[in-house]
Amino acid sequence: MAGLIGTITLNLALDVTYEVDELVVGGSHRVGTVRQRAGGKGVNVARVASTLGHQVLVLGFVGGVTGELVAEELFDAGLTALLTPIAGETRRTVAIVNGADGDATIFNETGPSVTADEWRAFGDRMPWSRLGVLACSGSIPPGLPADAYAELAVRARHHDVLTVIDAGGAALTAAAKAGAVVRSNAAELRDALGDTTVEDGARQLIGLGASAAVITDGARGMVAASNKGVWRALPVEKVSGNPTGAGDACTAVVAAAVAESPEPDWSVVLKSAVAASAAAVLTPVAGDIDLGAFRRWQPQVTVS
């Protein structure tokens, strides 16, 4: 029986979407439809993992009236959450969808500052004994150390809990050194390691101490590496749509695999991860997945 997947979103948000007939800078607009949904990369991971049949627990900070709305939406979505209160107001992201061409203009608030006491309270409330894996992703709010995810990975290891960390830049290398299973895309990998191929970059992350590395490579598929080798999986077909949640769908599959086994067969995991990422592109909102497409593509993915 796989353990509980804890998904950490340190910078939770309320995602607000406005639909207008045509976006005109400097103009006045009548909003046709308004949608509100709890957001952040870790929440997207939790939604996909839940859709795929896994037990999840959403972890993060919430504050103010916006934080209450986030907590309510998670409850309404059927996602169990353990949220740590903070003094600051939870951030909002606003997407304005232009009906004329379907493009979206996004406004991302930075997020509230988290104090040292609030960070300590978050760590003290972690239900380590219930967790099979801890999946960390998304931006780090002001006030927290840049290596916050790596710090969590070290604490998790003391409780025999493995960590999957989706990060880029210095946070990616710090996570690797902490022994986590690391996740990033090709651009984030090169930002952290310089000019390198995805395969060589994944090997470098293993050399730094990562348990495994899974790197998404856009239309070229996905690469996984561990101390047993390096694998590349190719997508079944070219898909078009909203790529925002594709990486989060990959993280959900990786976290589920690690929850079931500390050393999964990465060639098998890649087949599901590639299929899930592509199936996420077909849906209009990050955190959703086209289950029919996922089930159709998963056995067709080729891995070398």
Protein backbone atom coordinates (compact mmCIF):
# COMPACT_ATOMS: atom_id res chain seq x y z
CA MET A 1 0.00 0.00 0.00
CA ALA A 2 1.51 3.31 -1.05
CA GLY A 3 1.94 5.97 1.59
CA LEU A 4 0.27 9.36 1.68
CA ILE A 5 1.59 11.94 -0.80
CA GLY A 6 2.21 15.22 0.99
CA THR A 7 2.40 18.14 -1.44
CA ILE A 8 4.03 21.33 -0.22
CA THR A 9 3.14 24.71 -1.72
CA LEU A 10 4.94 27.34 0.37
CA ASN A 11 3.46 30.18 -1.71
CA LEU A 12 -0.19 29.14 -2.04
CA ALA A 13 -2.42 31.39 -4.12
CA LEU A 14 -6.01 32.03 -5.06
CA ASP A 15 -6.06 31.84 -8.85
CA VAL A 16 -8.66 34.21 -10.24
CA THR A 17 -9.60 34.07 -13.94
CA TYR A 18 -11.52 36.84 -15.74
CA GLU A 19 -12.95 36.21 -19.20
CA VAL A 20 -13.47 39.31 -21.36
CA ASP A 21 -14.59 39.69 -24.97
CA GLU A 22 -11.44 41.57 -25.92
CA LEU A 23 -8.59 42.86 -23.77
CA VAL A 24 -7.72 46.49 -24.51
CA VAL A 25 -4.90 48.06 -22.49
CA GLY A 26 -6.22 51.19 -20.80
CA GLY A 27 -9.82 50.26 -21.55
CA SER A 28 -12.81 49.38 -19.36
CA HIS A 29 -14.00 45.77 -19.56
CA ARG A 30 -17.15 43.88 -18.66
CA VAL A 31 -16.17 40.50 -17.19
CA GLY A 32 -18.26 37.65 -18.56
CA THR A 33 -17.10 34.81 -16.31
CA VAL A 34 -15.09 34.76 -13.07
CA ARG A 35 -13.47 31.57 -11.78
CA GLN A 36 -11.61 31.16 -8.46
CA ARG A 37 -9.50 28.17 -7.55
CA ALA A 38 -6.75 27.33 -5.06
CA GLY A 39 -3.47 27.45 -6.91
CA GLY A 40 0.24 26.90 -6.74
CA LYS A 41 2.36 24.13 -8.25
CA GLY A 42 2.01 21.83 -5.26
CA VAL A 43 -1.78 22.10 -5.41
CA ASN A 44 -1.64 21.15 -9.09
CA VAL A 45 0.45 18.10 -8.12
CA ALA A 46 -2.12 17.14 -5.48
CA ARG A 47 -5.02 17.47 -7.92
CA VAL A 48 -3.37 15.24 -10.53
CA ALA A 49 -2.25 12.65 -7.98
CA SER A 50 -5.76 12.55 -6.52
CA THR A 51 -7.28 12.14 -9.99
CA LEU A 52 -4.93 9.20 -10.56
CA GLY A 53 -6.28 7.54 -7.42
CA HIS A 54 -3.67 8.41 -4.78
CA GLN A 55 -4.20 9.78 -1.27
CA VAL A 56 -2.87 13.32 -0.93
CA LEU A 57 -2.38 15.93 1.77
CA VAL A 58 -1.95 19.60 0.79
CA LEU A 59 0.52 21.50 3.00
CA GLY A 60 1.27 25.22 2.96
CA PHE A 61 0.70 28.63 4.50
CA VAL A 62 -2.56 30.60 4.45
CA GLY A 63 -3.44 34.03 5.78
CA GLY A 64 -6.27 36.55 5.74
CA VAL A 65 -9.55 36.42 3.86
CA THR A 66 -7.84 35.12 0.71
CA GLY A 67 -6.34 32.26 2.70
CA GLU A 68 -9.83 31.33 3.93
CA LEU A 69 -11.04 31.19 0.31
CA VAL A 70 -8.11 28.94 -0.61
CA ALA A 71 -8.90 26.57 2.29
CA GLU A 72 -12.59 26.48 1.33
CA GLU A 73 -11.85 25.68 -2.32
CA LEU A 74 -9.48 22.86 -1.37
CA PHE A 75 -12.22 21.40 0.83
CA ASP A 76 -14.82 21.76 -1.92
CA ALA A 77 -12.43 20.00 -4.34
CA GLY A 78 -12.16 17.05 -1.95
CA LEU A 79 -8.50 17.66 -1.14
CA THR A 80 -7.41 17.12 2.47
CA ALA A 81 -5.23 19.99 3.68
CA LEU A 82 -3.11 20.83 6.71
CA LEU A 83 -2.50 24.58 6.42
CA THR A 84 -0.36 26.71 8.72
CA PRO A 85 -1.79 30.18 9.48
CA ILE A 86 0.37 33.26 8.94
CA ALA A 87 -0.16 36.97 9.63
CA GLY A 88 0.22 38.00 5.98
CA GLU A 89 -2.50 37.82 3.32
CA THR A 90 -2.34 34.87 0.91
CA ARG A 91 -1.50 36.08 -2.58
CA ARG A 92 -3.73 36.11 -5.65
CA THR A 93 -2.89 35.48 -9.25
CA VAL A 94 -5.12 37.07 -11.87
CA ALA A 95 -5.49 35.72 -15.40
CA ILE A 96 -7.38 37.79 -17.96
CA VAL A 97 -8.48 35.61 -20.86
CA ASN A 98 -8.96 37.51 -24.11
CA GLY A 99 -11.97 36.09 -25.92
CA ALA A 100 -10.76 37.55 -29.22
CA ASP A 101 -7.76 35.20 -29.50
CA GLY A 102 -7.83 33.00 -26.38
CA ASP A 103 -4.57 34.41 -25.01
CA ALA A 104 -4.22 34.94 -21.26
CA THR A 105 -2.51 37.87 -19.52
CA ILE A 106 -1.23 36.82 -16.09
CA PHE A 107 -0.54 38.92 -12.99
CA ASN A 108 1.33 37.09 -10.20
CA GLU A 109 1.53 38.68 -6.75
CA THR A 110 4.79 38.04 -4.89
CA GLY A 111 3.13 36.61 -1.81
CA PRO A 112 3.25 37.39 1.91
CA SER A 113 6.43 37.35 3.94
CA VAL A 114 6.77 34.33 6.25
CA THR A 115 8.42 34.87 9.64
CA ALA A 116 10.93 32.56 11.29
CA ASP A 117 8.32 31.59 13.90
CA GLU A 118 5.78 30.74 11.18
CA TRP A 119 8.36 28.63 9.34
CA ARG A 120 9.17 26.81 12.59
CA ALA A 121 5.46 26.18 13.23
CA PHE A 122 5.09 24.75 9.74
CA GLY A 123 7.91 22.27 10.36
CA ASP A 124 6.58 21.31 13.78
CA ARG A 125 3.17 20.40 12.31
CA MET A 126 4.50 18.01 9.66
CA PRO A 127 2.75 14.61 10.04
CA TRP A 128 5.88 12.62 9.25
CA SER A 129 4.50 9.26 10.40
CA ARG A 130 1.66 9.46 7.87
CA LEU A 131 3.74 10.41 4.83
CA GLY A 132 5.01 8.06 2.15
CA VAL A 133 6.64 10.90 0.22
CA LEU A 134 6.91 14.68 0.38
CA ALA A 135 6.57 16.57 -2.93
CA CYS A 136 7.77 20.19 -2.87
CA SER A 137 7.25 22.61 -5.74
CA GLY A 138 6.59 26.24 -6.57
CA SER A 139 8.11 29.57 -5.60
CA ILE A 140 9.51 30.28 -2.14
CA PRO A 141 7.81 33.24 -0.41
CA PRO A 142 9.73 36.19 1.04
CA GLY A 143 11.25 35.58 4.45
CA LEU A 144 12.15 31.93 3.89
CA PRO A 145 15.68 30.71 3.10
CA ALA A 146 16.48 29.99 -0.55
CA ASP A 147 17.26 26.38 0.40
CA ALA A 148 13.95 25.88 2.25
CA TYR A 149 13.09 22.80 0.18
CA ALA A 150 16.51 21.25 0.81
CA GLU A 151 16.02 21.91 4.53
CA LEU A 152 12.72 20.03 4.39
CA ALA A 153 14.40 17.16 2.51
CA VAL A 154 17.01 16.79 5.25
CA ARG A 155 14.31 16.77 7.94
CA ALA A 156 12.29 14.24 5.95
CA ARG A 157 15.26 11.85 5.75
CA HIS A 158 15.47 11.84 9.56
CA HIS A 159 11.91 10.47 9.51
CA ASP A 160 12.62 7.98 6.69
CA VAL A 161 10.48 9.96 4.26
CA LEU A 162 11.74 10.53 0.72
CA THR A 163 11.33 13.91 -0.96
CA VAL A 164 10.60 14.91 -4.55
CA ILE A 165 11.59 18.52 -5.22
CA ASP A 166 10.65 20.45 -8.35
CA ALA A 167 12.98 23.43 -8.52
CA GLY A 168 15.45 25.34 -10.65
CA GLY A 169 18.68 27.30 -10.18
CA ALA A 170 20.41 27.15 -6.80
CA ALA A 171 17.37 25.46 -5.22
CA LEU A 172 17.78 22.54 -7.65
CA THR A 173 21.42 21.88 -6.78
CA ALA A 174 20.70 22.32 -3.05
CA ALA A 175 17.90 19.73 -3.33
CA ALA A 176 20.26 17.33 -5.11
CA LYS A 177 22.88 17.71 -2.38
CA ALA A 178 20.17 16.98 0.20
CA GLY A 179 19.55 13.60 -1.44
CA ALA A 180 16.10 14.33 -2.88
CA VAL A 181 14.57 13.04 -6.07
CA VAL A 182 14.85 16.22 -8.15
CA ARG A 183 12.57 17.51 -10.89
CA SER A 184 13.07 20.38 -13.32
CA ASN A 185 12.73 21.30 -16.96
CA ALA A 186 15.62 21.65 -19.39
CA ALA A 187 15.81 25.46 -19.04
CA GLU A 188 15.90 25.27 -15.22
CA LEU A 189 18.55 22.55 -15.43
CA ARG A 190 20.83 24.72 -17.57
CA ASP A 191 20.18 27.71 -15.32
CA ALA A 192 21.53 25.63 -12.45
CA LEU A 193 24.42 23.85 -14.18
CA GLY A 194 25.28 25.93 -17.23
CA ASP A 195 25.32 24.77 -20.84
CA THR A 196 24.81 21.02 -20.82
CA THR A 197 22.75 18.31 -22.44
CA VAL A 198 19.75 17.10 -20.47
CA GLU A 199 21.30 13.63 -20.07
CA ASP A 200 24.64 15.00 -18.82
CA GLY A 201 22.89 17.49 -16.54
CA ALA A 202 20.82 14.70 -15.00
CA ARG A 203 24.02 12.72 -14.41
CA GLN A 204 25.59 15.75 -12.72
CA LEU A 205 22.62 16.00 -10.33
CA ILE A 206 23.12 12.34 -9.39
CA GLY A 207 26.78 13.10 -8.83
CA LEU A 208 25.80 15.90 -6.43
CA GLY A 209 23.83 13.40 -4.35
CA ALA A 210 20.31 13.30 -5.82
CA SER A 211 18.50 9.96 -5.41
CA ALA A 212 17.18 10.41 -8.96
CA ALA A 213 16.60 13.21 -11.46
CA VAL A 214 13.64 13.57 -13.82
CA ILE A 215 13.94 16.36 -16.38
CA THR A 216 11.18 17.40 -18.79
CA ASP A 217 12.50 18.34 -22.22
CA GLY A 218 9.49 19.83 -24.00
CA ALA A 219 8.58 18.21 -27.30
CA ARG A 220 11.68 16.00 -26.98
CA GLY A 221 10.11 14.09 -24.11
CA MET A 222 11.66 13.40 -20.74
CA VAL A 223 14.88 12.09 -19.18
CA ALA A 224 15.36 10.20 -15.93
CA ALA A 225 18.64 9.32 -14.23
CA SER A 226 19.65 7.35 -11.18
CA ASN A 227 22.80 5.53 -10.10
CA LYS A 228 21.58 2.64 -12.31
CA GLY A 229 21.52 4.56 -15.59
CA VAL A 230 19.89 7.21 -17.76
CA TRP A 231 16.65 6.84 -19.73
CA ARG A 232 14.83 9.00 -22.28
CA ALA A 233 11.15 8.68 -23.10
CA LEU A 234 9.61 10.09 -26.28
CA PRO A 235 6.08 11.48 -26.50
CA VAL A 236 3.52 9.42 -28.41
CA GLU A 237 2.26 12.32 -30.48
CA LYS A 238 2.43 16.10 -30.68
CA VAL A 239 -0.22 17.79 -28.57
CA SER A 240 -1.39 21.40 -28.42
CA GLY A 241 -3.19 23.17 -25.61
CA ASN A 242 -2.26 24.62 -22.21
CA PRO A 243 1.23 23.43 -21.13
CA THR A 244 1.10 25.20 -17.73
CA GLY A 245 0.39 22.09 -15.67
CA ALA A 246 2.42 19.54 -17.65
CA GLY A 247 5.42 19.63 -15.32
CA ASP A 248 3.18 19.35 -12.26
CA ALA A 249 1.53 16.25 -13.74
CA CYS A 250 5.00 14.75 -14.15
CA THR A 251 5.85 15.54 -10.53
CA ALA A 252 2.60 13.89 -9.39
CA VAL A 253 3.51 10.65 -11.20
CA VAL A 254 7.08 10.71 -9.86
CA ALA A 255 5.88 11.33 -6.29
CA ALA A 256 3.35 8.49 -6.54
CA ALA A 257 6.06 6.11 -7.79
CA VAL A 258 8.42 7.03 -4.94
CA ALA A 259 5.59 6.60 -2.42
CA GLU A 260 5.15 3.03 -3.67
CA SER A 261 8.87 2.19 -3.81
CA PRO A 262 11.99 4.12 -2.76
CA GLU A 263 13.76 2.80 -5.89
CA PRO A 264 11.15 2.56 -8.65
CA ASP A 265 11.87 1.33 -12.16
CA TRP A 266 12.45 4.70 -13.81
CA SER A 267 11.89 3.36 -17.30
CA VAL A 268 8.35 2.44 -16.22
CA VAL A 269 7.82 5.71 -14.33
CA LEU A 270 8.80 7.68 -17.45
CA LYS A 271 6.05 6.03 -19.49
CA SER A 272 3.40 7.26 -17.05
CA ALA A 273 5.06 10.66 -16.56
CA VAL A 274 5.22 11.42 -20.29
CA ALA A 275 1.62 10.30 -20.81
CA ALA A 276 0.39 12.35 -17.83
CA SER A 277 2.24 15.48 -18.93
CA ALA A 278 0.78 15.27 -22.43
CA ALA A 279 -2.69 14.54 -21.07
CA ALA A 280 -2.44 17.62 -18.84
CA VAL A 281 -1.79 19.83 -21.89
CA LEU A 282 -5.21 18.84 -23.27
CA THR A 283 -7.03 20.42 -20.29
CA PRO A 284 -7.67 24.18 -19.99
CA VAL A 285 -6.65 24.47 -16.32
CA ALA A 286 -3.42 23.42 -14.60
CA GLY A 287 -4.03 20.58 -12.16
CA ASP A 288 -6.47 18.77 -14.44
CA ILE A 289 -5.67 15.78 -16.64
CA ASP A 290 -7.45 14.04 -19.49
CA LEU A 291 -7.69 10.54 -18.00
CA GLY A 292 -8.78 8.94 -21.26
CA ALA A 293 -5.75 10.28 -23.11
CA PHE A 294 -3.44 9.27 -20.25
CA ARG A 295 -4.67 5.68 -20.27
CA ARG A 296 -4.46 5.52 -24.06
CA TRP A 297 -0.93 6.92 -24.32
CA GLN A 298 0.75 5.36 -21.30
CA PRO A 299 1.40 1.92 -22.85
CA GLN A 300 2.50 3.50 -26.15
CA VAL A 301 5.37 5.61 -24.77
CA THR A 302 8.78 4.33 -25.87
CA VAL A 303 11.77 4.45 -23.50
CA SER A 304 15.43 3.94 -24.39
